[in-house]
C-alpha atoms as a PDB file:
ATOM      1  CA  MET A   1      -6.628  53.813  18.898  1.00  0.00           C
ATOM      2  CA  ASN A   2      -6.073  53.028  15.242  1.00  0.00           C
ATOM      3  CA  LYS A   3      -2.357  52.644  15.891  1.00  0.00           C
ATOM      4  CA  PHE A   4      -3.134  50.206  18.721  1.00  0.00           C
ATOM      5  CA  ARG A   5      -5.418  48.171  16.478  1.00  0.00           C
ATOM      6  CA  PHE A   6      -2.789  48.128  13.727  1.00  0.00           C
ATOM      7  CA  THR A   7      -0.215  46.849  16.205  1.00  0.00           C
ATOM      8  CA  LEU A   8      -2.551  44.058  17.390  1.00  0.00           C
ATOM      9  CA  MET A   9      -3.281  43.055  13.804  1.00  0.00           C
ATOM     10  CA  ALA A  10       0.430  42.977  12.968  1.00  0.00           C
ATOM     11  CA  LEU A  11       1.132  40.798  16.003  1.00  0.00           C
ATOM     12  CA  ALA A  12      -1.697  38.442  15.059  1.00  0.00           C
ATOM     13  CA  ILE A  13      -0.380  38.087  11.501  1.00  0.00           C
ATOM     14  CA  MET A  14       3.114  37.433  12.823  1.00  0.00           C
ATOM     15  CA  ALA A  15       1.838  34.781  15.241  1.00  0.00           C
ATOM     16  CA  PHE A  16      -0.138  33.077  12.476  1.00  0.00           C
ATOM     17  CA  THR A  17       2.904  33.094  10.172  1.00  0.00           C
ATOM     18  CA  LEU A  18       5.075  31.583  12.888  1.00  0.00           C
ATOM     19  CA  MET A  19       2.442  28.917  13.554  1.00  0.00           C
ATOM     20  CA  ILE A  20       2.312  27.961   9.856  1.00  0.00           C
ATOM     21  CA  SER A  21       6.099  27.934   9.678  1.00  0.00           C
ATOM     22  CA  SER A  22       6.315  25.758  12.783  1.00  0.00           C
ATOM     23  CA  SER A  23       3.744  23.345  11.333  1.00  0.00           C
ATOM     24  CA  ALA A  24       5.671  23.110   8.069  1.00  0.00           C
ATOM     25  CA  GLN A  25       8.914  22.456   9.905  1.00  0.00           C
ATOM     26  CA  ALA A  26       7.230  19.678  11.910  1.00  0.00           C
ATOM     27  CA  GLN A  27       6.962  17.553   8.752  1.00  0.00           C
ATOM     28  CA  ALA A  28      10.383  16.453   7.583  1.00  0.00           C
ATOM     29  CA  THR A  29      11.203  14.551   4.405  1.00  0.00           C
ATOM     30  CA  ARG A  30      13.231  12.014   6.405  1.00  0.00           C
ATOM     31  CA  THR A  31      12.601  10.988  10.004  1.00  0.00           C
ATOM     32  CA  TRP A  32      14.154   8.421  12.335  1.00  0.00           C
ATOM     33  CA  VAL A  33      13.055   5.945  14.987  1.00  0.00           C
ATOM     34  CA  SER A  34      15.092   4.153  17.636  1.00  0.00           C
ATOM     35  CA  GLY A  35      14.460   1.669  20.400  1.00  0.00           C
ATOM     36  CA  VAL A  36      15.682   4.336  22.827  1.00  0.00           C
ATOM     37  CA  GLY A  37      13.788   7.187  21.137  1.00  0.00           C
ATOM     38  CA  ASP A  38      10.809   9.225  22.321  1.00  0.00           C
ATOM     39  CA  ASP A  39       7.708  10.216  20.332  1.00  0.00           C
ATOM     40  CA  ALA A  40       7.942  13.681  21.923  1.00  0.00           C
ATOM     41  CA  ASN A  41      11.164  14.179  19.946  1.00  0.00           C
ATOM     42  CA  PRO A  42      11.231  15.805  16.483  1.00  0.00           C
ATOM     43  CA  CYS A  43      12.217  12.400  14.970  1.00  0.00           C
ATOM     44  CA  SER A  44      15.553  13.724  13.736  1.00  0.00           C
ATOM     45  CA  ARG A  45      18.592  11.479  13.573  1.00  0.00           C
ATOM     46  CA  THR A  46      19.963  12.865  16.823  1.00  0.00           C
ATOM     47  CA  ALA A  47      16.542  12.970  18.513  1.00  0.00           C
ATOM     48  CA  PRO A  48      14.621   9.987  17.080  1.00  0.00           C
ATOM     49  CA  CYS A  49      11.062   8.928  17.817  1.00  0.00           C
ATOM     50  CA  LYS A  50      10.095   5.703  19.552  1.00  0.00           C
ATOM     51  CA  THR A  51       7.434   4.327  17.161  1.00  0.00           C
ATOM     52  CA  PHE A  52       6.490   4.337  13.484  1.00  0.00           C
ATOM     53  CA  ALA A  53       3.128   5.839  14.457  1.00  0.00           C
ATOM     54  CA  GLY A  54       4.894   8.681  16.237  1.00  0.00           C
ATOM     55  CA  ALA A  55       7.207   9.325  13.298  1.00  0.00           C
ATOM     56  CA  ILE A  56       4.621   9.201  10.528  1.00  0.00           C
ATOM     57  CA  SER A  57       2.811  12.309  11.789  1.00  0.00           C
ATOM     58  CA  LYS A  58       6.116  14.200  11.538  1.00  0.00           C
ATOM     59  CA  THR A  59       7.031  12.894   8.091  1.00  0.00           C
ATOM     60  CA  ALA A  60       5.943  14.690   4.929  1.00  0.00           C
ATOM     61  CA  ALA A  61       4.011  12.879   2.206  1.00  0.00           C
ATOM     62  CA  GLY A  62       6.489  11.094  -0.063  1.00  0.00           C
ATOM     63  CA  GLY A  63       9.075  11.066   2.718  1.00  0.00           C
ATOM     64  CA  GLU A  64      10.891   8.242   4.499  1.00  0.00           C
ATOM     65  CA  ILE A  65      11.074   6.837   8.010  1.00  0.00           C
ATOM     66  CA  ASP A  66      14.356   5.066   8.803  1.00  0.00           C
ATOM     67  CA  ALA A  67      15.233   2.888  11.790  1.00  0.00           C
ATOM     68  CA  LEU A  68      18.506   3.452  13.598  1.00  0.00           C
ATOM     69  CA  ASP A  69      18.518   0.061  15.340  1.00  0.00           C
ATOM     70  CA  PRO A  70      16.569  -3.241  15.369  1.00  0.00           C
ATOM     71  CA  GLY A  71      13.982  -2.169  17.926  1.00  0.00           C
ATOM     72  CA  GLY A  72      10.258  -2.825  18.120  1.00  0.00           C
ATOM     73  CA  PHE A  73       8.413   0.157  16.707  1.00  0.00           C
ATOM     74  CA  GLY A  74       4.719  -0.698  16.957  1.00  0.00           C
ATOM     75  CA  ALA A  75       1.811  -1.007  14.531  1.00  0.00           C
ATOM     76  CA  VAL A  76       1.114   1.841  12.116  1.00  0.00           C
ATOM     77  CA  THR A  77      -1.700   3.113   9.884  1.00  0.00           C
ATOM     78  CA  ILE A  78      -0.490   4.791   6.671  1.00  0.00           C
ATOM     79  CA  THR A  79      -2.656   7.428   4.989  1.00  0.00           C
ATOM     80  CA  LYS A  80      -0.168   8.977   2.552  1.00  0.00           C
ATOM     81  CA  SER A  81       2.792   8.138   0.321  1.00  0.00           C
ATOM     82  CA  ILE A  82       5.639   6.958   2.552  1.00  0.00           C
ATOM     83  CA  THR A  83       8.662   4.668   2.701  1.00  0.00           C
ATOM     84  CA  ILE A  84       9.482   2.823   5.916  1.00  0.00           C
ATOM     85  CA  ASP A  85      12.984   1.368   5.784  1.00  0.00           C
ATOM     86  CA  ALA A  86      13.991  -0.558   8.893  1.00  0.00           C
ATOM     87  CA  CYS A  87      17.580  -1.088   7.794  1.00  0.00           C
ATOM     88  CA  CYS A  88      18.334  -3.590  10.569  1.00  0.00           C
ATOM     89  CA  MET A  89      15.148  -5.683  10.315  1.00  0.00           C
ATOM     90  CA  ALA A  90      13.271  -3.695  12.915  1.00  0.00           C
ATOM     91  CA  GLY A  91      10.146  -5.272  14.311  1.00  0.00           C
ATOM     92  CA  ILE A  92       6.426  -4.721  14.706  1.00  0.00           C
ATOM     93  CA  LEU A  93       4.774  -6.866  17.371  1.00  0.00           C
ATOM     94  CA  ALA A  94       1.087  -6.936  16.427  1.00  0.00           C
ATOM     95  CA  ALA A  95      -0.603  -9.299  18.889  1.00  0.00           C
ATOM     96  CA  GLY A  96      -4.370  -8.955  18.479  1.00  0.00           C
ATOM     97  CA  THR A  97      -4.149  -6.278  15.787  1.00  0.00           C
ATOM     98  CA  ASN A  98      -2.869  -5.430  12.285  1.00  0.00           C
ATOM     99  CA  ALA A  99       0.826  -4.677  11.893  1.00  0.00           C
ATOM    100  CA  VAL A 100       0.471  -2.189   9.005  1.00  0.00           C
ATOM    101  CA  ILE A 101      -2.664  -0.665   7.457  1.00  0.00           C
ATOM    102  CA  ILE A 102      -2.470   1.364   4.219  1.00  0.00           C
ATOM    103  CA  ASN A 103      -5.581   3.448   3.688  1.00  0.00           C
ATOM    104  CA  ASP A 104      -5.584   6.864   2.016  1.00  0.00           C
ATOM    105  CA  SER A 105      -9.377   7.062   2.359  1.00  0.00           C
ATOM    106  CA  GLY A 106     -10.173   6.327  -1.266  1.00  0.00           C
ATOM    107  CA  ALA A 107      -7.825   8.910  -2.800  1.00  0.00           C
ATOM    108  CA  GLY A 108      -5.906   6.147  -4.552  1.00  0.00           C
ATOM    109  CA  THR A 109      -2.695   8.204  -4.725  1.00  0.00           C
ATOM    110  CA  ALA A 110      -0.515   6.880  -1.879  1.00  0.00           C
ATOM    111  CA  VAL A 111       2.681   5.056  -2.886  1.00  0.00           C
ATOM    112  CA  VAL A 112       3.928   2.993   0.062  1.00  0.00           C
ATOM    113  CA  THR A 113       7.168   1.036   0.462  1.00  0.00           C
ATOM    114  CA  LEU A 114       7.858  -1.268   3.411  1.00  0.00           C
ATOM    115  CA  ARG A 115      11.436  -2.479   3.641  1.00  0.00           C
ATOM    116  CA  HIS A 116      13.418  -4.620   6.134  1.00  0.00           C
ATOM    117  CA  ILE A 117      10.553  -5.028   8.622  1.00  0.00           C
ATOM    118  CA  SER A 118       9.800  -8.091  10.737  1.00  0.00           C
ATOM    119  CA  MET A 119       6.063  -8.309  11.493  1.00  0.00           C
ATOM    120  CA  ASN A 120       5.121 -10.727  14.280  1.00  0.00           C
ATOM    121  CA  GLY A 121       1.450 -11.496  14.933  1.00  0.00           C
ATOM    122  CA  ALA A 122       2.344 -13.567  18.012  1.00  0.00           C
ATOM    123  CA  THR A 123      -0.397 -16.078  16.965  1.00  0.00           C
ATOM    124  CA  SER A 124      -3.220 -13.598  17.764  1.00  0.00           C
ATOM    125  CA  GLY A 125      -2.393 -10.980  15.103  1.00  0.00           C
ATOM    126  CA  LEU A 126      -5.099 -10.109  12.551  1.00  0.00           C
ATOM    127  CA  ASN A 127      -3.119  -9.265   9.395  1.00  0.00           C
ATOM    128  CA  GLY A 128       0.495  -8.455   8.660  1.00  0.00           C
ATOM    129  CA  VAL A 129      -0.088  -5.834   5.951  1.00  0.00           C
ATOM    130  CA  ARG A 130      -3.605  -4.649   5.062  1.00  0.00           C
ATOM    131  CA  PHE A 131      -3.867  -2.612   1.852  1.00  0.00           C
ATOM    132  CA  LEU A 132      -7.292  -0.941   1.655  1.00  0.00           C
ATOM    133  CA  SER A 133      -6.717   2.169  -0.463  1.00  0.00           C
ATOM    134  CA  GLY A 134      -3.770   3.631  -2.331  1.00  0.00           C
ATOM    135  CA  LYS A 135      -1.938   3.642  -5.658  1.00  0.00           C
ATOM    136  CA  SER A 136       0.778   1.057  -5.100  1.00  0.00           C
ATOM    137  CA  LEU A 137       2.369  -1.038  -2.368  1.00  0.00           C
ATOM    138  CA  ASN A 138       5.944  -2.346  -2.365  1.00  0.00           C
ATOM    139  CA  ILE A 139       7.067  -4.907   0.230  1.00  0.00           C
ATOM    140  CA  GLU A 140      10.785  -5.697   0.128  1.00  0.00           C
ATOM    141  CA  ASN A 141      13.034  -7.831   2.329  1.00  0.00           C
ATOM    142  CA  CYS A 142      10.402  -8.354   5.016  1.00  0.00           C
ATOM    143  CA  GLN A 143       9.361 -11.208   7.303  1.00  0.00           C
ATOM    144  CA  ILE A 144       5.679 -11.713   8.148  1.00  0.00           C
ATOM    145  CA  PHE A 145       4.644 -14.447  10.562  1.00  0.00           C
ATOM    146  CA  GLY A 146       2.309 -15.482  13.356  1.00  0.00           C
ATOM    147  CA  PHE A 147      -0.946 -13.951  12.044  1.00  0.00           C
ATOM    148  CA  LEU A 148      -3.352 -16.706  13.030  1.00  0.00           C
ATOM    149  CA  SER A 149      -6.423 -14.919  14.426  1.00  0.00           C
ATOM    150  CA  GLY A 150      -9.565 -15.160  12.289  1.00  0.00           C
ATOM    151  CA  THR A 151      -8.638 -14.940   8.612  1.00  0.00           C
ATOM    152  CA  GLY A 152      -5.037 -14.183   9.583  1.00  0.00           C
ATOM    153  CA  PHE A 153      -3.617 -12.947   6.255  1.00  0.00           C
ATOM    154  CA  GLY A 154       0.090 -12.286   5.984  1.00  0.00           C
ATOM    155  CA  ILE A 155      -0.774  -9.755   3.262  1.00  0.00           C
ATOM    156  CA  ASP A 156      -4.375  -8.708   2.655  1.00  0.00           C
ATOM    157  CA  VAL A 157      -5.012  -6.625  -0.470  1.00  0.00           C
ATOM    158  CA  SER A 158      -8.702  -5.779  -0.335  1.00  0.00           C
ATOM    159  CA  LEU A 159      -9.441  -2.767  -2.540  1.00  0.00           C
ATOM    160  CA  THR A 160     -12.346  -0.943  -4.130  1.00  0.00           C
ATOM    161  CA  GLN A 161     -10.111   0.452  -6.878  1.00  0.00           C
ATOM    162  CA  SER A 162      -8.866  -1.024 -10.152  1.00  0.00           C
ATOM    163  CA  LEU A 163      -5.495  -1.188 -11.885  1.00  0.00           C
ATOM    164  CA  LYS A 164      -3.496  -0.906  -8.675  1.00  0.00           C
ATOM    165  CA  GLU A 165      -0.118  -2.556  -8.224  1.00  0.00           C
ATOM    166  CA  VAL A 166       1.404  -4.606  -5.436  1.00  0.00           C
ATOM    167  CA  HIS A 167       5.015  -5.802  -5.555  1.00  0.00           C
ATOM    168  CA  VAL A 168       6.454  -8.286  -3.041  1.00  0.00           C
ATOM    169  CA  LYS A 169      10.157  -9.107  -3.291  1.00  0.00           C
ATOM    170  CA  ASN A 170      12.686 -11.064  -1.214  1.00  0.00           C
ATOM    171  CA  THR A 171      10.100 -11.663   1.508  1.00  0.00           C
ATOM    172  CA  THR A 172       9.062 -14.597   3.702  1.00  0.00           C
ATOM    173  CA  ILE A 173       5.510 -15.226   4.930  1.00  0.00           C
ATOM    174  CA  HIS A 174       5.414 -17.996   7.522  1.00  0.00           C
ATOM    175  CA  ASN A 175       2.873 -19.593   9.858  1.00  0.00           C
ATOM    176  CA  CYS A 176      -0.260 -17.552   9.140  1.00  0.00           C
ATOM    177  CA  THR A 177      -3.821 -18.662   8.449  1.00  0.00           C
ATOM    178  CA  THR A 178      -3.478 -17.614   4.787  1.00  0.00           C
ATOM    179  CA  GLY A 179      -0.378 -16.182   3.162  1.00  0.00           C
ATOM    180  CA  VAL A 180      -1.869 -13.632   0.764  1.00  0.00           C
ATOM    181  CA  ARG A 181      -5.314 -12.537  -0.385  1.00  0.00           C
ATOM    182  CA  ILE A 182      -5.778 -10.325  -3.464  1.00  0.00           C
ATOM    183  CA  THR A 183      -9.194  -8.892  -4.336  1.00  0.00           C
ATOM    184  CA  THR A 184     -10.888  -5.718  -5.557  1.00  0.00           C
ATOM    185  CA  THR A 185     -14.494  -4.746  -6.169  1.00  0.00           C
ATOM    186  CA  THR A 186     -13.543  -2.895  -9.394  1.00  0.00           C
ATOM    187  CA  GLY A 187     -11.315  -4.025 -12.253  1.00  0.00           C
ATOM    188  CA  VAL A 188      -8.051  -5.867 -11.588  1.00  0.00           C
ATOM    189  CA  VAL A 189      -5.195  -5.667  -9.105  1.00  0.00           C
ATOM    190  CA  VAL A 190      -1.904  -7.052 -10.430  1.00  0.00           C
ATOM    191  CA  THR A 191       0.508  -8.410  -7.828  1.00  0.00           C
ATOM    192  CA  THR A 192       4.078  -9.532  -8.496  1.00  0.00           C
ATOM    193  CA  PHE A 193       5.934 -11.958  -6.245  1.00  0.00           C
ATOM    194  CA  ASP A 194       9.668 -12.341  -6.839  1.00  0.00           C
ATOM    195  CA  ASN A 195      11.834 -14.546  -4.615  1.00  0.00           C
ATOM    196  CA  VAL A 196       9.045 -14.954  -2.060  1.00  0.00           C
ATOM    197  CA  THR A 197       8.624 -17.906   0.300  1.00  0.00           C
ATOM    198  CA  ILE A 198       5.150 -18.719   1.650  1.00  0.00           C
ATOM    199  CA  ASP A 199       5.145 -21.712   3.966  1.00  0.00           C
ATOM    200  CA  ARG A 200       3.224 -23.472   6.740  1.00  0.00           C
ATOM    201  CA  MET A 201      -0.151 -21.829   6.167  1.00  0.00           C
ATOM    202  CA  ASN A 202      -3.193 -23.159   8.007  1.00  0.00           C
ATOM    203  CA  ALA A 203      -5.280 -22.562   4.879  1.00  0.00           C
ATOM    204  CA  ASP A 204      -4.098 -21.344   1.428  1.00  0.00           C
ATOM    205  CA  GLY A 205      -0.798 -19.936   0.244  1.00  0.00           C
ATOM    206  CA  ILE A 206      -2.232 -17.335  -2.143  1.00  0.00           C
ATOM    207  CA  GLN A 207      -5.935 -16.597  -2.663  1.00  0.00           C
ATOM    208  CA  LEU A 208      -6.826 -14.770  -5.875  1.00  0.00           C
ATOM    209  CA  GLN A 209     -10.390 -13.633  -5.458  1.00  0.00           C
ATOM    210  CA  ALA A 210     -12.400 -11.209  -7.634  1.00  0.00           C
ATOM    211  CA  GLY A 211     -10.039  -9.034  -9.662  1.00  0.00           C
ATOM    212  CA  GLY A 212      -6.935 -10.663  -8.212  1.00  0.00           C
ATOM    213  CA  PHE A 213      -4.126 -11.502 -10.635  1.00  0.00           C
ATOM    214  CA  ALA A 214      -0.596 -12.563  -9.683  1.00  0.00           C
ATOM    215  CA  ASP A 215       2.741 -12.938 -11.451  1.00  0.00           C
ATOM    216  CA  VAL A 216       4.773 -15.367  -9.291  1.00  0.00           C
ATOM    217  CA  SER A 217       8.425 -15.949 -10.163  1.00  0.00           C
ATOM    218  CA  ASN A 218      11.419 -17.579  -8.470  1.00  0.00           C
ATOM    219  CA  SER A 219       9.280 -18.388  -5.441  1.00  0.00           C
ATOM    220  CA  VAL A 220       8.312 -21.278  -3.152  1.00  0.00           C
ATOM    221  CA  ILE A 221       4.880 -22.119  -1.746  1.00  0.00           C
ATOM    222  CA  SER A 222       5.080 -25.131   0.554  1.00  0.00           C
ATOM    223  CA  PHE A 223       3.092 -26.953   3.224  1.00  0.00           C
ATOM    224  CA  PRO A 224      -0.188 -25.046   3.083  1.00  0.00           C
ATOM    225  CA  VAL A 225      -2.991 -27.064   4.655  1.00  0.00           C
ATOM    226  CA  GLY A 226      -5.227 -25.904   1.802  1.00  0.00           C
ATOM    227  CA  VAL A 227      -4.302 -24.805  -1.734  1.00  0.00           C
ATOM    228  CA  GLY A 228      -0.970 -23.421  -2.910  1.00  0.00           C
ATOM    229  CA  VAL A 229      -2.560 -20.915  -5.308  1.00  0.00           C
ATOM    230  CA  ASN A 230      -6.349 -20.797  -5.095  1.00  0.00           C
ATOM    231  CA  ILE A 231      -8.028 -18.882  -7.940  1.00  0.00           C
ATOM    232  CA  THR A 232     -11.683 -18.206  -7.211  1.00  0.00           C
ATOM    233  CA  GLY A 233     -12.326 -14.818  -8.838  1.00  0.00           C
ATOM    234  CA  GLY A 234     -13.570 -15.969 -12.225  1.00  0.00           C
ATOM    235  CA  ALA A 235     -12.400 -14.671 -15.588  1.00  0.00           C
ATOM    236  CA  ASN A 236     -10.719 -11.518 -14.260  1.00  0.00           C
ATOM    237  CA  SER A 237      -8.426 -13.415 -11.913  1.00  0.00           C
ATOM    238  CA  GLY A 238      -5.510 -15.765 -12.539  1.00  0.00           C
ATOM    239  CA  VAL A 239      -1.825 -16.505 -12.103  1.00  0.00           C
ATOM    240  CA  ASN A 240       1.363 -16.641 -14.161  1.00  0.00           C
ATOM    241  CA  LEU A 241       3.838 -19.078 -12.573  1.00  0.00           C
ATOM    242  CA  VAL A 242       7.453 -18.734 -13.655  1.00  0.00           C
ATOM    243  CA  SER A 243      10.295 -20.786 -12.112  1.00  0.00           C
ATOM    244  CA  THR A 244       8.225 -21.486  -9.005  1.00  0.00           C
ATOM    245  CA  LEU A 245       7.805 -24.534  -6.724  1.00  0.00           C
ATOM    246  CA  ILE A 246       4.456 -25.504  -5.149  1.00  0.00           C
ATOM    247  CA  ALA A 247       4.663 -28.551  -2.899  1.00  0.00           C
ATOM    248  CA  HIS A 248       2.994 -30.482  -0.067  1.00  0.00           C
ATOM    249  CA  ALA A 249      -0.470 -28.930  -0.419  1.00  0.00           C
ATOM    250  CA  THR A 250      -3.949 -30.397  -0.617  1.00  0.00           C
ATOM    251  CA  THR A 251      -4.021 -28.912  -4.132  1.00  0.00           C
ATOM    252  CA  GLY A 252      -1.066 -27.228  -5.814  1.00  0.00           C
ATOM    253  CA  VAL A 253      -3.011 -24.861  -8.076  1.00  0.00           C
ATOM    254  CA  ALA A 254      -6.821 -24.631  -8.163  1.00  0.00           C
ATOM    255  CA  VAL A 255      -7.947 -22.835 -11.319  1.00  0.00           C
ATOM    256  CA  GLY A 256     -11.537 -21.569 -11.263  1.00  0.00           C
ATOM    257  CA  GLY A 257     -13.154 -19.887 -14.249  1.00  0.00           C
ATOM    258  CA  SER A 258      -9.960 -18.185 -15.388  1.00  0.00           C
ATOM    259  CA  THR A 259      -7.035 -18.766 -17.727  1.00  0.00           C
ATOM    260  CA  SER A 260      -3.673 -19.155 -16.007  1.00  0.00           C
ATOM    261  CA  ARG A 261      -0.186 -19.906 -17.300  1.00  0.00           C
ATOM    262  CA  MET A 262       2.820 -21.864 -16.069  1.00  0.00           C
ATOM    263  CA  THR A 263       6.407 -22.136 -17.292  1.00  0.00           C
ATOM    264  CA  LYS A 264       9.632 -23.592 -15.817  1.00  0.00           C
ATOM    265  CA  SER A 265       7.758 -24.466 -12.619  1.00  0.00           C
ATOM    266  CA  SER A 266       7.379 -27.553 -10.420  1.00  0.00           C
ATOM    267  CA  ILE A 267       4.173 -28.891  -8.869  1.00  0.00           C
ATOM    268  CA  LEU A 268       5.397 -31.660  -6.574  1.00  0.00           C
ATOM    269  CA  GLN A 269       4.019 -34.051  -3.960  1.00  0.00           C
ATOM    270  CA  ASN A 270       0.577 -32.534  -3.512  1.00  0.00           C
ATOM    271  CA  ALA A 271      -2.609 -34.537  -3.048  1.00  0.00           C
ATOM    272  CA  THR A 272      -3.817 -32.967  -6.315  1.00  0.00           C
ATOM    273  CA  GLY A 273      -1.316 -31.230  -8.563  1.00  0.00           C
ATOM    274  CA  ILE A 274      -3.565 -28.998 -10.679  1.00  0.00           C
ATOM    275  CA  SER A 275      -7.337 -28.745 -10.265  1.00  0.00           C
ATOM    276  CA  LEU A 276      -9.267 -27.332 -13.213  1.00  0.00           C
ATOM    277  CA  ALA A 277     -12.887 -26.445 -12.467  1.00  0.00           C
ATOM    278  CA  GLY A 278     -14.101 -24.464 -15.461  1.00  0.00           C
ATOM    279  CA  GLY A 279     -10.785 -22.708 -16.042  1.00  0.00           C
ATOM    280  CA  ALA A 280      -7.708 -23.433 -18.132  1.00  0.00           C
ATOM    281  CA  MET A 281      -3.982 -23.811 -17.497  1.00  0.00           C
ATOM    282  CA  ARG A 282      -1.761 -22.983 -20.483  1.00  0.00           C
ATOM    283  CA  THR A 283       1.663 -24.590 -20.259  1.00  0.00           C
ATOM    284  CA  GLY A 284       4.493 -25.876 -22.385  1.00  0.00           C
ATOM    285  CA  CYS A 285       6.832 -28.827 -21.871  1.00  0.00           C
ATOM    286  CA  ASP A 286       9.252 -27.091 -19.505  1.00  0.00           C
ATOM    287  CA  ASN A 287       7.413 -27.807 -16.227  1.00  0.00           C
ATOM    288  CA  PHE A 288       7.775 -30.691 -13.770  1.00  0.00           C
ATOM    289  CA  VAL A 289       4.532 -32.094 -12.326  1.00  0.00           C
ATOM    290  CA  ASP A 290       5.406 -35.172 -10.313  1.00  0.00           C
ATOM    291  CA  GLY A 291       4.723 -37.057  -7.099  1.00  0.00           C
ATOM    292  CA  ASN A 292       1.134 -35.825  -6.806  1.00  0.00           C
ATOM    293  CA  THR A 293      -1.489 -38.394  -5.805  1.00  0.00           C
ATOM    294  CA  THR A 294      -3.727 -36.998  -8.573  1.00  0.00           C
ATOM    295  CA  PRO A 295      -1.628 -35.071 -11.110  1.00  0.00           C
ATOM    296  CA  ILE A 296      -4.508 -33.329 -12.932  1.00  0.00           C
ATOM    297  CA  SER A 297      -8.140 -32.994 -11.934  1.00  0.00           C
ATOM    298  CA  GLY A 298     -10.641 -31.794 -14.517  1.00  0.00           C
ATOM    299  CA  GLY A 299     -10.156 -30.646 -18.108  1.00  0.00           C
ATOM    300  CA  GLY A 300      -8.602 -27.502 -19.518  1.00  0.00           C
ATOM    301  CA  LEU A 301      -4.883 -28.247 -19.627  1.00  0.00           C
ATOM    302  CA  SER A 302      -3.317 -26.971 -22.862  1.00  0.00           C
ATOM    303  CA  SER A 303      -0.263 -29.229 -22.893  1.00  0.00           C
ATOM    304  CA  ALA A 304       0.032 -32.978 -23.392  1.00  0.00           C
ATOM    305  CA  CYS A 305       3.470 -32.775 -21.703  1.00  0.00           C
ATOM    306  CA  VAL A 306       1.880 -32.799 -18.221  1.00  0.00           C
ATOM    307  CA  GLN A 307       0.338 -36.155 -17.314  1.00  0.00           C
END
């Protein structure tokens, strides 16, 4: 009897070990998706998955999901550090929903990179990228458009954590309600925009609410119905504009109770160029503010070079 029990125990331990091993093998460092894939596959290169959502459950934290072809791979919620690289500008059609949600449930440790992805809200999409919790978010070489339902943010950074980083590079945000919103309930979130185009917004280009600060360089914000850069978050919000064009807006830059800075930039052909309502804009003589119906509204401009 004891021998029988020992045998059963040994078999149980073996089965448990195999189960753990199988579970570990199910999470690969690199997985693949394809327009002709299947989420029942292991997401290997020779047997790819069909969707990002199917692949992410089989990808280890800190790993990477790659696209084999320019298919449509569906919306995805990200809860861990991950890189999604759609080498051929793969697409997410997000009618009536969010294209990508990053939320590690308050852990604040997830590092997420989105690269070469076309996100289409098809006019009813909620948000292109929604960053709710994590350590950092990198968006590179992406297209985000058609998010026009409700607030309709191309990128919505709405955190409860401080000192987080968002980097947007070589990306276009087109035809949304608002291009970008940055806010946090604690501290400051610093966002960098490099070679980013934000155009044809139904409201603002960039909204910097409580705790939202942006470094914008080599970028273009044009034809927003509202404000190019709208700073409403008080003293702990603001913008640094470097070599950037803001044009054809109701107001180019609206500075609330913050201090912002501008160098080598152009504020052109807006109804109001720069609106100062309790805040300050520090600038030298290397900017071009021209063609605005009202060049400057309010006081707080540090340079006599801008008239």
